[in-house]
ModelCIF file with pLDDT and N, C-alpha, C, O atoms, coordinates in Angstrom:
data_MODEL
#
_entry.id   MODEL 
#
_entity.id                         1 
_entity.type                       polymer 
_entity.pdbx_number_of_molecules   1 
#
_entity_poly.entity_id                      1 
_entity_poly.type                           'polypeptide(L)' 
_entity_poly.nstd_linkage                   no 
_entity_poly.nstd_monomer                   no 
_entity_poly.pdbx_seq_one_letter_code       SQALCMSYLFYEAQRSGPLPSDQRITWRHDSALGDGSDVGHDL 
_entity_poly.pdbx_seq_one_letter_code_can   SQALCMSYLFYEAQRSGPLPSDQRITWRHDSALGDGSDVGHDL 
_entity_poly.pdbx_strand_id                 A 
#
loop_
_entity_poly_seq.entity_id 
_entity_poly_seq.num 
_entity_poly_seq.mon_id 
_entity_poly_seq.hetero 
1 1  SER n 
1 2  GLN n 
1 3  ALA n 
1 4  LEU n 
1 5  CYS n 
1 6  MET n 
1 7  SER n 
1 8  TYR n 
1 9  LEU n 
1 10 PHE n 
1 11 TYR n 
1 12 GLU n 
1 13 ALA n 
1 14 GLN n 
1 15 ARG n 
1 16 SER n 
1 17 GLY n 
1 18 PRO n 
1 19 LEU n 
1 20 PRO n 
1 21 SER n 
1 22 ASP n 
1 23 GLN n 
1 24 ARG n 
1 25 ILE n 
1 26 THR n 
1 27 TRP n 
1 28 ARG n 
1 29 HIS n 
1 30 ASP n 
1 31 SER n 
1 32 ALA n 
1 33 LEU n 
1 34 GLY n 
1 35 ASP n 
1 36 GLY n 
1 37 SER n 
1 38 ASP n 
1 39 VAL n 
1 40 GLY n 
1 41 HIS n 
1 42 ASP n 
1 43 LEU n 
#
_struct_asym.id          A 
_struct_asym.entity_id   1 
#
loop_
_ma_qa_metric.id 
_ma_qa_metric.mode 
_ma_qa_metric.name 
_ma_qa_metric.software_group_id 
_ma_qa_metric.type 
1 global pLDDT . pLDDT 
2 local  pLDDT . pLDDT 
#
_ma_qa_metric_global.metric_id      1 
_ma_qa_metric_global.metric_value   97.95 
_ma_qa_metric_global.model_id       1 
_ma_qa_metric_global.ordinal_id     1 
#
loop_
_ma_qa_metric_local.label_asym_id 
_ma_qa_metric_local.label_comp_id 
_ma_qa_metric_local.label_seq_id 
_ma_qa_metric_local.metric_id 
_ma_qa_metric_local.metric_value 
_ma_qa_metric_local.model_id 
_ma_qa_metric_local.ordinal_id 
A SER 1  2 98.00 1 1  
A GLN 2  2 98.00 1 2  
A ALA 3  2 98.00 1 3  
A LEU 4  2 98.00 1 4  
A CYS 5  2 98.00 1 5  
A MET 6  2 98.00 1 6  
A SER 7  2 98.00 1 7  
A TYR 8  2 98.00 1 8  
A LEU 9  2 98.00 1 9  
A PHE 10 2 98.00 1 10 
A TYR 11 2 99.00 1 11 
A GLU 12 2 98.00 1 12 
A ALA 13 2 98.00 1 13 
A GLN 14 2 98.00 1 14 
A ARG 15 2 99.00 1 15 
A SER 16 2 98.00 1 16 
A GLY 17 2 98.00 1 17 
A PRO 18 2 98.00 1 18 
A LEU 19 2 98.00 1 19 
A PRO 20 2 98.00 1 20 
A SER 21 2 97.00 1 21 
A ASP 22 2 97.00 1 22 
A GLN 23 2 98.00 1 23 
A ARG 24 2 98.00 1 24 
A ILE 25 2 98.00 1 25 
A THR 26 2 97.00 1 26 
A TRP 27 2 97.00 1 27 
A ARG 28 2 98.00 1 28 
A HIS 29 2 97.00 1 29 
A ASP 30 2 98.00 1 30 
A SER 31 2 98.00 1 31 
A ALA 32 2 98.00 1 32 
A LEU 33 2 98.00 1 33 
A GLY 34 2 98.00 1 34 
A ASP 35 2 98.00 1 35 
A GLY 36 2 98.00 1 36 
A SER 37 2 98.00 1 37 
A ASP 38 2 98.00 1 38 
A VAL 39 2 98.00 1 39 
A GLY 40 2 98.00 1 40 
A HIS 41 2 98.00 1 41 
A ASP 42 2 98.00 1 42 
A LEU 43 2 99.00 1 43 
#
loop_
_atom_site.group_PDB 
_atom_site.id 
_atom_site.type_symbol 
_atom_site.label_atom_id 
_atom_site.label_alt_id 
_atom_site.label_comp_id 
_atom_site.label_asym_id 
_atom_site.label_entity_id 
_atom_site.label_seq_id 
_atom_site.pdbx_PDB_ins_code 
_atom_site.Cartn_x 
_atom_site.Cartn_y 
_atom_site.Cartn_z 
_atom_site.occupancy 
_atom_site.B_iso_or_equiv 
_atom_site.pdbx_formal_charge 
_atom_site.auth_seq_id 
_atom_site.auth_comp_id 
_atom_site.auth_asym_id 
_atom_site.auth_atom_id 
_atom_site.pdbx_PDB_model_num 
ATOM 1   N N  . SER A 1 1  ? -3.320 -34.854 21.513  1.00 98.00 ? 1  SER A N  1 
ATOM 2   C CA . SER A 1 1  ? -3.874 -33.795 20.666  1.00 98.00 ? 1  SER A CA 1 
ATOM 3   C C  . SER A 1 1  ? -2.875 -32.660 20.487  1.00 98.00 ? 1  SER A C  1 
ATOM 4   O O  . SER A 1 1  ? -2.692 -32.165 19.375  1.00 98.00 ? 1  SER A O  1 
ATOM 5   N N  . GLN A 1 2  ? -2.231 -32.245 21.566  1.00 98.00 ? 2  GLN A N  1 
ATOM 6   C CA . GLN A 1 2  ? -1.233 -31.189 21.452  1.00 98.00 ? 2  GLN A CA 1 
ATOM 7   C C  . GLN A 1 2  ? -0.043 -31.662 20.618  1.00 98.00 ? 2  GLN A C  1 
ATOM 8   O O  . GLN A 1 2  ? 0.472  -30.909 19.792  1.00 98.00 ? 2  GLN A O  1 
ATOM 9   N N  . ALA A 1 3  ? 0.393  -32.894 20.828  1.00 98.00 ? 3  ALA A N  1 
ATOM 10  C CA . ALA A 1 3  ? 1.522  -33.422 20.061  1.00 98.00 ? 3  ALA A CA 1 
ATOM 11  C C  . ALA A 1 3  ? 1.182  -33.497 18.579  1.00 98.00 ? 3  ALA A C  1 
ATOM 12  O O  . ALA A 1 3  ? 2.041  -33.240 17.735  1.00 98.00 ? 3  ALA A O  1 
ATOM 13  N N  . LEU A 1 4  ? -0.065 -33.848 18.249  1.00 98.00 ? 4  LEU A N  1 
ATOM 14  C CA . LEU A 1 4  ? -0.494 -33.893 16.850  1.00 98.00 ? 4  LEU A CA 1 
ATOM 15  C C  . LEU A 1 4  ? -0.457 -32.500 16.241  1.00 98.00 ? 4  LEU A C  1 
ATOM 16  O O  . LEU A 1 4  ? 0.036  -32.318 15.128  1.00 98.00 ? 4  LEU A O  1 
ATOM 17  N N  . CYS A 1 5  ? -0.968 -31.532 16.956  1.00 98.00 ? 5  CYS A N  1 
ATOM 18  C CA . CYS A 1 5  ? -0.911 -30.140 16.505  1.00 98.00 ? 5  CYS A CA 1 
ATOM 19  C C  . CYS A 1 5  ? 0.540  -29.717 16.283  1.00 98.00 ? 5  CYS A C  1 
ATOM 20  O O  . CYS A 1 5  ? 0.853  -29.069 15.284  1.00 98.00 ? 5  CYS A O  1 
ATOM 21  N N  . MET A 1 6  ? 1.411  -30.074 17.195  1.00 98.00 ? 6  MET A N  1 
ATOM 22  C CA . MET A 1 6  ? 2.805  -29.652 17.109  1.00 98.00 ? 6  MET A CA 1 
ATOM 23  C C  . MET A 1 6  ? 3.535  -30.307 15.947  1.00 98.00 ? 6  MET A C  1 
ATOM 24  O O  . MET A 1 6  ? 4.461  -29.722 15.384  1.00 98.00 ? 6  MET A O  1 
ATOM 25  N N  . SER A 1 7  ? 3.129  -31.507 15.586  1.00 98.00 ? 7  SER A N  1 
ATOM 26  C CA . SER A 1 7  ? 3.789  -32.162 14.464  1.00 98.00 ? 7  SER A CA 1 
ATOM 27  C C  . SER A 1 7  ? 3.636  -31.345 13.190  1.00 98.00 ? 7  SER A C  1 
ATOM 28  O O  . SER A 1 7  ? 4.539  -31.321 12.353  1.00 98.00 ? 7  SER A O  1 
ATOM 29  N N  . TYR A 1 8  ? 2.499  -30.677 13.040  1.00 98.00 ? 8  TYR A N  1 
ATOM 30  C CA . TYR A 1 8  ? 2.305  -29.836 11.859  1.00 98.00 ? 8  TYR A CA 1 
ATOM 31  C C  . TYR A 1 8  ? 3.054  -28.508 11.971  1.00 98.00 ? 8  TYR A C  1 
ATOM 32  O O  . TYR A 1 8  ? 3.340  -27.873 10.955  1.00 98.00 ? 8  TYR A O  1 
ATOM 33  N N  . LEU A 1 9  ? 3.372  -28.086 13.189  1.00 98.00 ? 9  LEU A N  1 
ATOM 34  C CA . LEU A 1 9  ? 4.282  -26.946 13.323  1.00 98.00 ? 9  LEU A CA 1 
ATOM 35  C C  . LEU A 1 9  ? 5.645  -27.292 12.745  1.00 98.00 ? 9  LEU A C  1 
ATOM 36  O O  . LEU A 1 9  ? 6.278  -26.463 12.091  1.00 98.00 ? 9  LEU A O  1 
ATOM 37  N N  . PHE A 1 10 ? 6.096  -28.522 12.988  1.00 98.00 ? 10 PHE A N  1 
ATOM 38  C CA . PHE A 1 10 ? 7.372  -28.942 12.418  1.00 98.00 ? 10 PHE A CA 1 
ATOM 39  C C  . PHE A 1 10 ? 7.334  -28.883 10.892  1.00 98.00 ? 10 PHE A C  1 
ATOM 40  O O  . PHE A 1 10 ? 8.276  -28.405 10.260  1.00 98.00 ? 10 PHE A O  1 
ATOM 41  N N  . TYR A 1 11 ? 6.250  -29.367 10.310  1.00 99.00 ? 11 TYR A N  1 
ATOM 42  C CA . TYR A 1 11 ? 6.168  -29.317 8.847   1.00 99.00 ? 11 TYR A CA 1 
ATOM 43  C C  . TYR A 1 11 ? 6.134  -27.870 8.344   1.00 99.00 ? 11 TYR A C  1 
ATOM 44  O O  . TYR A 1 11 ? 6.666  -27.578 7.273   1.00 99.00 ? 11 TYR A O  1 
ATOM 45  N N  . GLU A 1 12 ? 5.522  -26.978 9.096   1.00 98.00 ? 12 GLU A N  1 
ATOM 46  C CA . GLU A 1 12 ? 5.565  -25.566 8.702   1.00 98.00 ? 12 GLU A CA 1 
ATOM 47  C C  . GLU A 1 12 ? 6.999  -25.036 8.742   1.00 98.00 ? 12 GLU A C  1 
ATOM 48  O O  . GLU A 1 12 ? 7.387  -24.232 7.894   1.00 98.00 ? 12 GLU A O  1 
ATOM 49  N N  . ALA A 1 13 ? 7.775  -25.478 9.707   1.00 98.00 ? 13 ALA A N  1 
ATOM 50  C CA . ALA A 1 13 ? 9.168  -25.045 9.791   1.00 98.00 ? 13 ALA A CA 1 
ATOM 51  C C  . ALA A 1 13 ? 9.995  -25.583 8.630   1.00 98.00 ? 13 ALA A C  1 
ATOM 52  O O  . ALA A 1 13 ? 11.057 -25.038 8.327   1.00 98.00 ? 13 ALA A O  1 
ATOM 53  N N  . GLN A 1 14 ? 9.526  -26.645 7.973   1.00 98.00 ? 14 GLN A N  1 
ATOM 54  C CA . GLN A 1 14 ? 10.243 -27.250 6.855   1.00 98.00 ? 14 GLN A CA 1 
ATOM 55  C C  . GLN A 1 14 ? 9.815  -26.692 5.504   1.00 98.00 ? 14 GLN A C  1 
ATOM 56  O O  . GLN A 1 14 ? 10.349 -27.104 4.474   1.00 98.00 ? 14 GLN A O  1 
ATOM 57  N N  . ARG A 1 15 ? 8.865  -25.764 5.487   1.00 99.00 ? 15 ARG A N  1 
ATOM 58  C CA . ARG A 1 15 ? 8.359  -25.257 4.214   1.00 99.00 ? 15 ARG A CA 1 
ATOM 59  C C  . ARG A 1 15 ? 9.414  -24.492 3.437   1.00 99.00 ? 15 ARG A C  1 
ATOM 60  O O  . ARG A 1 15 ? 10.180 -23.709 3.998   1.00 99.00 ? 15 ARG A O  1 
ATOM 61  N N  . SER A 1 16 ? 9.439  -24.733 2.146   1.00 98.00 ? 16 SER A N  1 
ATOM 62  C CA . SER A 1 16 ? 10.273 -23.992 1.214   1.00 98.00 ? 16 SER A CA 1 
ATOM 63  C C  . SER A 1 16 ? 9.376  -23.128 0.348   1.00 98.00 ? 16 SER A C  1 
ATOM 64  O O  . SER A 1 16 ? 8.195  -23.426 0.176   1.00 98.00 ? 16 SER A O  1 
ATOM 65  N N  . GLY A 1 17 ? 9.947  -22.036 -0.206  1.00 98.00 ? 17 GLY A N  1 
ATOM 66  C CA . GLY A 1 17 ? 9.191  -21.187 -1.111  1.00 98.00 ? 17 GLY A CA 1 
ATOM 67  C C  . GLY A 1 17 ? 8.541  -20.015 -0.407  1.00 98.00 ? 17 GLY A C  1 
ATOM 68  O O  . GLY A 1 17 ? 8.893  -19.696 0.729   1.00 98.00 ? 17 GLY A O  1 
ATOM 69  N N  . PRO A 1 18 ? 7.596  -19.371 -1.071  1.00 98.00 ? 18 PRO A N  1 
ATOM 70  C CA . PRO A 1 18 ? 6.874  -18.251 -0.463  1.00 98.00 ? 18 PRO A CA 1 
ATOM 71  C C  . PRO A 1 18 ? 5.890  -18.759 0.584   1.00 98.00 ? 18 PRO A C  1 
ATOM 72  O O  . PRO A 1 18 ? 5.059  -19.618 0.289   1.00 98.00 ? 18 PRO A O  1 
ATOM 73  N N  . LEU A 1 19 ? 5.976  -18.243 1.780   1.00 98.00 ? 19 LEU A N  1 
ATOM 74  C CA . LEU A 1 19 ? 5.164  -18.746 2.890   1.00 98.00 ? 19 LEU A CA 1 
ATOM 75  C C  . LEU A 1 19 ? 3.802  -18.066 2.933   1.00 98.00 ? 19 LEU A C  1 
ATOM 76  O O  . LEU A 1 19 ? 3.680  -16.905 2.543   1.00 98.00 ? 19 LEU A O  1 
ATOM 77  N N  . PRO A 1 20 ? 2.785  -18.768 3.396   1.00 98.00 ? 20 PRO A N  1 
ATOM 78  C CA . PRO A 1 20 ? 1.431  -18.202 3.430   1.00 98.00 ? 20 PRO A CA 1 
ATOM 79  C C  . PRO A 1 20 ? 1.253  -17.236 4.592   1.00 98.00 ? 20 PRO A C  1 
ATOM 80  O O  . PRO A 1 20 ? 2.074  -17.186 5.508   1.00 98.00 ? 20 PRO A O  1 
ATOM 81  N N  . SER A 1 21 ? 0.174  -16.476 4.541   1.00 97.00 ? 21 SER A N  1 
ATOM 82  C CA . SER A 1 21 ? -0.079 -15.475 5.573   1.00 97.00 ? 21 SER A CA 1 
ATOM 83  C C  . SER A 1 21 ? -0.407 -16.100 6.923   1.00 97.00 ? 21 SER A C  1 
ATOM 84  O O  . SER A 1 21 ? -0.252 -15.456 7.960   1.00 97.00 ? 21 SER A O  1 
ATOM 85  N N  . ASP A 1 22 ? -0.861 -17.355 6.916   1.00 97.00 ? 22 ASP A N  1 
ATOM 86  C CA . ASP A 1 22 ? -1.221 -18.004 8.182   1.00 97.00 ? 22 ASP A CA 1 
ATOM 87  C C  . ASP A 1 22 ? -0.097 -18.871 8.742   1.00 97.00 ? 22 ASP A C  1 
ATOM 88  O O  . ASP A 1 22 ? -0.333 -19.710 9.611   1.00 97.00 ? 22 ASP A O  1 
ATOM 89  N N  . GLN A 1 23 ? 1.111  -18.673 8.252   1.00 98.00 ? 23 GLN A N  1 
ATOM 90  C CA . GLN A 1 23 ? 2.283  -19.392 8.766   1.00 98.00 ? 23 GLN A CA 1 
ATOM 91  C C  . GLN A 1 23 ? 2.440  -19.119 10.254  1.00 98.00 ? 23 GLN A C  1 
ATOM 92  O O  . GLN A 1 23 ? 2.527  -17.964 10.670  1.00 98.00 ? 23 GLN A O  1 
ATOM 93  N N  . ARG A 1 24 ? 2.477  -20.192 11.068  1.00 98.00 ? 24 ARG A N  1 
ATOM 94  C CA . ARG A 1 24 ? 2.570  -20.028 12.521  1.00 98.00 ? 24 ARG A CA 1 
ATOM 95  C C  . ARG A 1 24 ? 4.012  -19.987 13.016  1.00 98.00 ? 24 ARG A C  1 
ATOM 96  O O  . ARG A 1 24 ? 4.285  -19.417 14.073  1.00 98.00 ? 24 ARG A O  1 
ATOM 97  N N  . ILE A 1 25 ? 4.927  -20.578 12.274  1.00 98.00 ? 25 ILE A N  1 
ATOM 98  C CA . ILE A 1 25 ? 6.341  -20.535 12.655  1.00 98.00 ? 25 ILE A CA 1 
ATOM 99  C C  . ILE A 1 25 ? 6.936  -19.273 12.052  1.00 98.00 ? 25 ILE A C  1 
ATOM 100 O O  . ILE A 1 25 ? 7.415  -19.281 10.917  1.00 98.00 ? 25 ILE A O  1 
ATOM 101 N N  . THR A 1 26 ? 6.904  -18.200 12.810  1.00 97.00 ? 26 THR A N  1 
ATOM 102 C CA . THR A 1 26 ? 7.192  -16.870 12.264  1.00 97.00 ? 26 THR A CA 1 
ATOM 103 C C  . THR A 1 26 ? 8.671  -16.534 12.177  1.00 97.00 ? 26 THR A C  1 
ATOM 104 O O  . THR A 1 26 ? 9.027  -15.478 11.654  1.00 97.00 ? 26 THR A O  1 
ATOM 105 N N  . TRP A 1 27 ? 9.555  -17.419 12.683  1.00 97.00 ? 27 TRP A N  1 
ATOM 106 C CA . TRP A 1 27 ? 10.977 -17.185 12.466  1.00 97.00 ? 27 TRP A CA 1 
ATOM 107 C C  . TRP A 1 27 ? 11.423 -17.692 11.106  1.00 97.00 ? 27 TRP A C  1 
ATOM 108 O O  . TRP A 1 27 ? 12.566 -17.468 10.706  1.00 97.00 ? 27 TRP A O  1 
ATOM 109 N N  . ARG A 1 28 ? 10.549 -18.364 10.399  1.00 98.00 ? 28 ARG A N  1 
ATOM 110 C CA . ARG A 1 28 ? 10.813 -18.754 9.014   1.00 98.00 ? 28 ARG A CA 1 
ATOM 111 C C  . ARG A 1 28 ? 10.219 -17.704 8.076   1.00 98.00 ? 28 ARG A C  1 
ATOM 112 O O  . ARG A 1 28 ? 9.187  -17.101 8.368   1.00 98.00 ? 28 ARG A O  1 
ATOM 113 N N  . HIS A 1 29 ? 10.904 -17.496 6.925   1.00 97.00 ? 29 HIS A N  1 
ATOM 114 C CA . HIS A 1 29 ? 10.469 -16.521 5.932   1.00 97.00 ? 29 HIS A CA 1 
ATOM 115 C C  . HIS A 1 29 ? 10.560 -17.148 4.543   1.00 97.00 ? 29 HIS A C  1 
ATOM 116 O O  . HIS A 1 29 ? 10.987 -18.293 4.399   1.00 97.00 ? 29 HIS A O  1 
ATOM 117 N N  . ASP A 1 30 ? 10.159 -16.396 3.530   1.00 98.00 ? 30 ASP A N  1 
ATOM 118 C CA . ASP A 1 30 ? 10.252 -16.881 2.155   1.00 98.00 ? 30 ASP A CA 1 
ATOM 119 C C  . ASP A 1 30 ? 11.687 -17.296 1.846   1.00 98.00 ? 30 ASP A C  1 
ATOM 120 O O  . ASP A 1 30 ? 12.636 -16.637 2.273   1.00 98.00 ? 30 ASP A O  1 
ATOM 121 N N  . SER A 1 31 ? 11.841 -18.388 1.105   1.00 98.00 ? 31 SER A N  1 
ATOM 122 C CA . SER A 1 31 ? 13.183 -18.887 0.801   1.00 98.00 ? 31 SER A CA 1 
ATOM 123 C C  . SER A 1 31 ? 13.164 -19.698 -0.489  1.00 98.00 ? 31 SER A C  1 
ATOM 124 O O  . SER A 1 31 ? 12.117 -20.163 -0.938  1.00 98.00 ? 31 SER A O  1 
ATOM 125 N N  . ALA A 1 32 ? 14.346 -19.853 -1.072  1.00 98.00 ? 32 ALA A N  1 
ATOM 126 C CA . ALA A 1 32 ? 14.531 -20.661 -2.287  1.00 98.00 ? 32 ALA A CA 1 
ATOM 127 C C  . ALA A 1 32 ? 13.540 -20.270 -3.379  1.00 98.00 ? 32 ALA A C  1 
ATOM 128 O O  . ALA A 1 32 ? 12.937 -21.128 -4.023  1.00 98.00 ? 32 ALA A O  1 
ATOM 129 N N  . LEU A 1 33 ? 13.382 -18.975 -3.576  1.00 98.00 ? 33 LEU A N  1 
ATOM 130 C CA . LEU A 1 33 ? 12.416 -18.474 -4.558  1.00 98.00 ? 33 LEU A CA 1 
ATOM 131 C C  . LEU A 1 33 ? 12.901 -18.639 -6.000  1.00 98.00 ? 33 LEU A C  1 
ATOM 132 O O  . LEU A 1 33 ? 12.138 -18.413 -6.939  1.00 98.00 ? 33 LEU A O  1 
ATOM 133 N N  . GLY A 1 34 ? 14.153 -19.027 -6.175  1.00 98.00 ? 34 GLY A N  1 
ATOM 134 C CA . GLY A 1 34 ? 14.667 -19.268 -7.519  1.00 98.00 ? 34 GLY A CA 1 
ATOM 135 C C  . GLY A 1 34 ? 14.684 -20.728 -7.912  1.00 98.00 ? 34 GLY A C  1 
ATOM 136 O O  . GLY A 1 34 ? 15.192 -21.071 -8.980  1.00 98.00 ? 34 GLY A O  1 
ATOM 137 N N  . ASP A 1 35 ? 14.138 -21.601 -7.071  1.00 98.00 ? 35 ASP A N  1 
ATOM 138 C CA . ASP A 1 35 ? 14.167 -23.027 -7.390  1.00 98.00 ? 35 ASP A CA 1 
ATOM 139 C C  . ASP A 1 35 ? 13.498 -23.293 -8.740  1.00 98.00 ? 35 ASP A C  1 
ATOM 140 O O  . ASP A 1 35 ? 12.372 -22.865 -8.992  1.00 98.00 ? 35 ASP A O  1 
ATOM 141 N N  . GLY A 1 36 ? 14.220 -24.006 -9.595  1.00 98.00 ? 36 GLY A N  1 
ATOM 142 C CA . GLY A 1 36 ? 13.728 -24.326 -10.929 1.00 98.00 ? 36 GLY A CA 1 
ATOM 143 C C  . GLY A 1 36 ? 14.151 -23.345 -11.997 1.00 98.00 ? 36 GLY A C  1 
ATOM 144 O O  . GLY A 1 36 ? 13.950 -23.604 -13.183 1.00 98.00 ? 36 GLY A O  1 
ATOM 145 N N  . SER A 1 37 ? 14.734 -22.221 -11.607 1.00 98.00 ? 37 SER A N  1 
ATOM 146 C CA . SER A 1 37 ? 15.129 -21.222 -12.603 1.00 98.00 ? 37 SER A CA 1 
ATOM 147 C C  . SER A 1 37 ? 16.201 -21.747 -13.541 1.00 98.00 ? 37 SER A C  1 
ATOM 148 O O  . SER A 1 37 ? 16.320 -21.278 -14.673 1.00 98.00 ? 37 SER A O  1 
ATOM 149 N N  . ASP A 1 38 ? 16.985 -22.719 -13.080 1.00 98.00 ? 38 ASP A N  1 
ATOM 150 C CA . ASP A 1 38 ? 18.033 -23.281 -13.926 1.00 98.00 ? 38 ASP A CA 1 
ATOM 151 C C  . ASP A 1 38 ? 17.473 -24.096 -15.083 1.00 98.00 ? 38 ASP A C  1 
ATOM 152 O O  . ASP A 1 38 ? 18.172 -24.329 -16.070 1.00 98.00 ? 38 ASP A O  1 
ATOM 153 N N  . VAL A 1 39 ? 16.211 -24.534 -14.973 1.00 98.00 ? 39 VAL A N  1 
ATOM 154 C CA . VAL A 1 39 ? 15.590 -25.347 -16.024 1.00 98.00 ? 39 VAL A CA 1 
ATOM 155 C C  . VAL A 1 39 ? 14.358 -24.676 -16.612 1.00 98.00 ? 39 VAL A C  1 
ATOM 156 O O  . VAL A 1 39 ? 13.659 -25.267 -17.435 1.00 98.00 ? 39 VAL A O  1 
ATOM 157 N N  . GLY A 1 40 ? 14.092 -23.448 -16.193 1.00 98.00 ? 40 GLY A N  1 
ATOM 158 C CA . GLY A 1 40 ? 12.972 -22.720 -16.754 1.00 98.00 ? 40 GLY A CA 1 
ATOM 159 C C  . GLY A 1 40 ? 11.619 -23.126 -16.244 1.00 98.00 ? 40 GLY A C  1 
ATOM 160 O O  . GLY A 1 40 ? 10.614 -22.915 -16.924 1.00 98.00 ? 40 GLY A O  1 
ATOM 161 N N  . HIS A 1 41 ? 11.563 -23.716 -15.040 1.00 98.00 ? 41 HIS A N  1 
ATOM 162 C CA . HIS A 1 41 ? 10.289 -24.107 -14.435 1.00 98.00 ? 41 HIS A CA 1 
ATOM 163 C C  . HIS A 1 41 ? 10.210 -23.541 -13.016 1.00 98.00 ? 41 HIS A C  1 
ATOM 164 O O  . HIS A 1 41 ? 11.232 -23.365 -12.353 1.00 98.00 ? 41 HIS A O  1 
ATOM 165 N N  . ASP A 1 42 ? 9.018  -23.265 -12.568 1.00 98.00 ? 42 ASP A N  1 
ATOM 166 C CA . ASP A 1 42 ? 8.793  -22.844 -11.187 1.00 98.00 ? 42 ASP A CA 1 
ATOM 167 C C  . ASP A 1 42 ? 8.744  -24.088 -10.312 1.00 98.00 ? 42 ASP A C  1 
ATOM 168 O O  . ASP A 1 42 ? 7.751  -24.816 -10.313 1.00 98.00 ? 42 ASP A O  1 
ATOM 169 N N  . LEU A 1 43 ? 9.808  -24.329 -9.571  1.00 99.00 ? 43 LEU A N  1 
ATOM 170 C CA . LEU A 1 43 ? 9.869  -25.468 -8.657  1.00 99.00 ? 43 LEU A CA 1 
ATOM 171 C C  . LEU A 1 43 ? 9.939  -24.994 -7.209  1.00 99.00 ? 43 LEU A C  1 
ATOM 172 O O  . LEU A 1 43 ? 9.996  -25.815 -6.293  1.00 99.00 ? 43 LEU A O  1 
#
């Protein structure tokens, strides 16, 4: 059960873009906010 919970912590650490308020991995911050700007889409 703990290992299952922790696996989703890893996925939170892999998040790109604006992070949600309930983000548990707090050493990560918003990133790659310009993704898609080269083609005119929000990616």
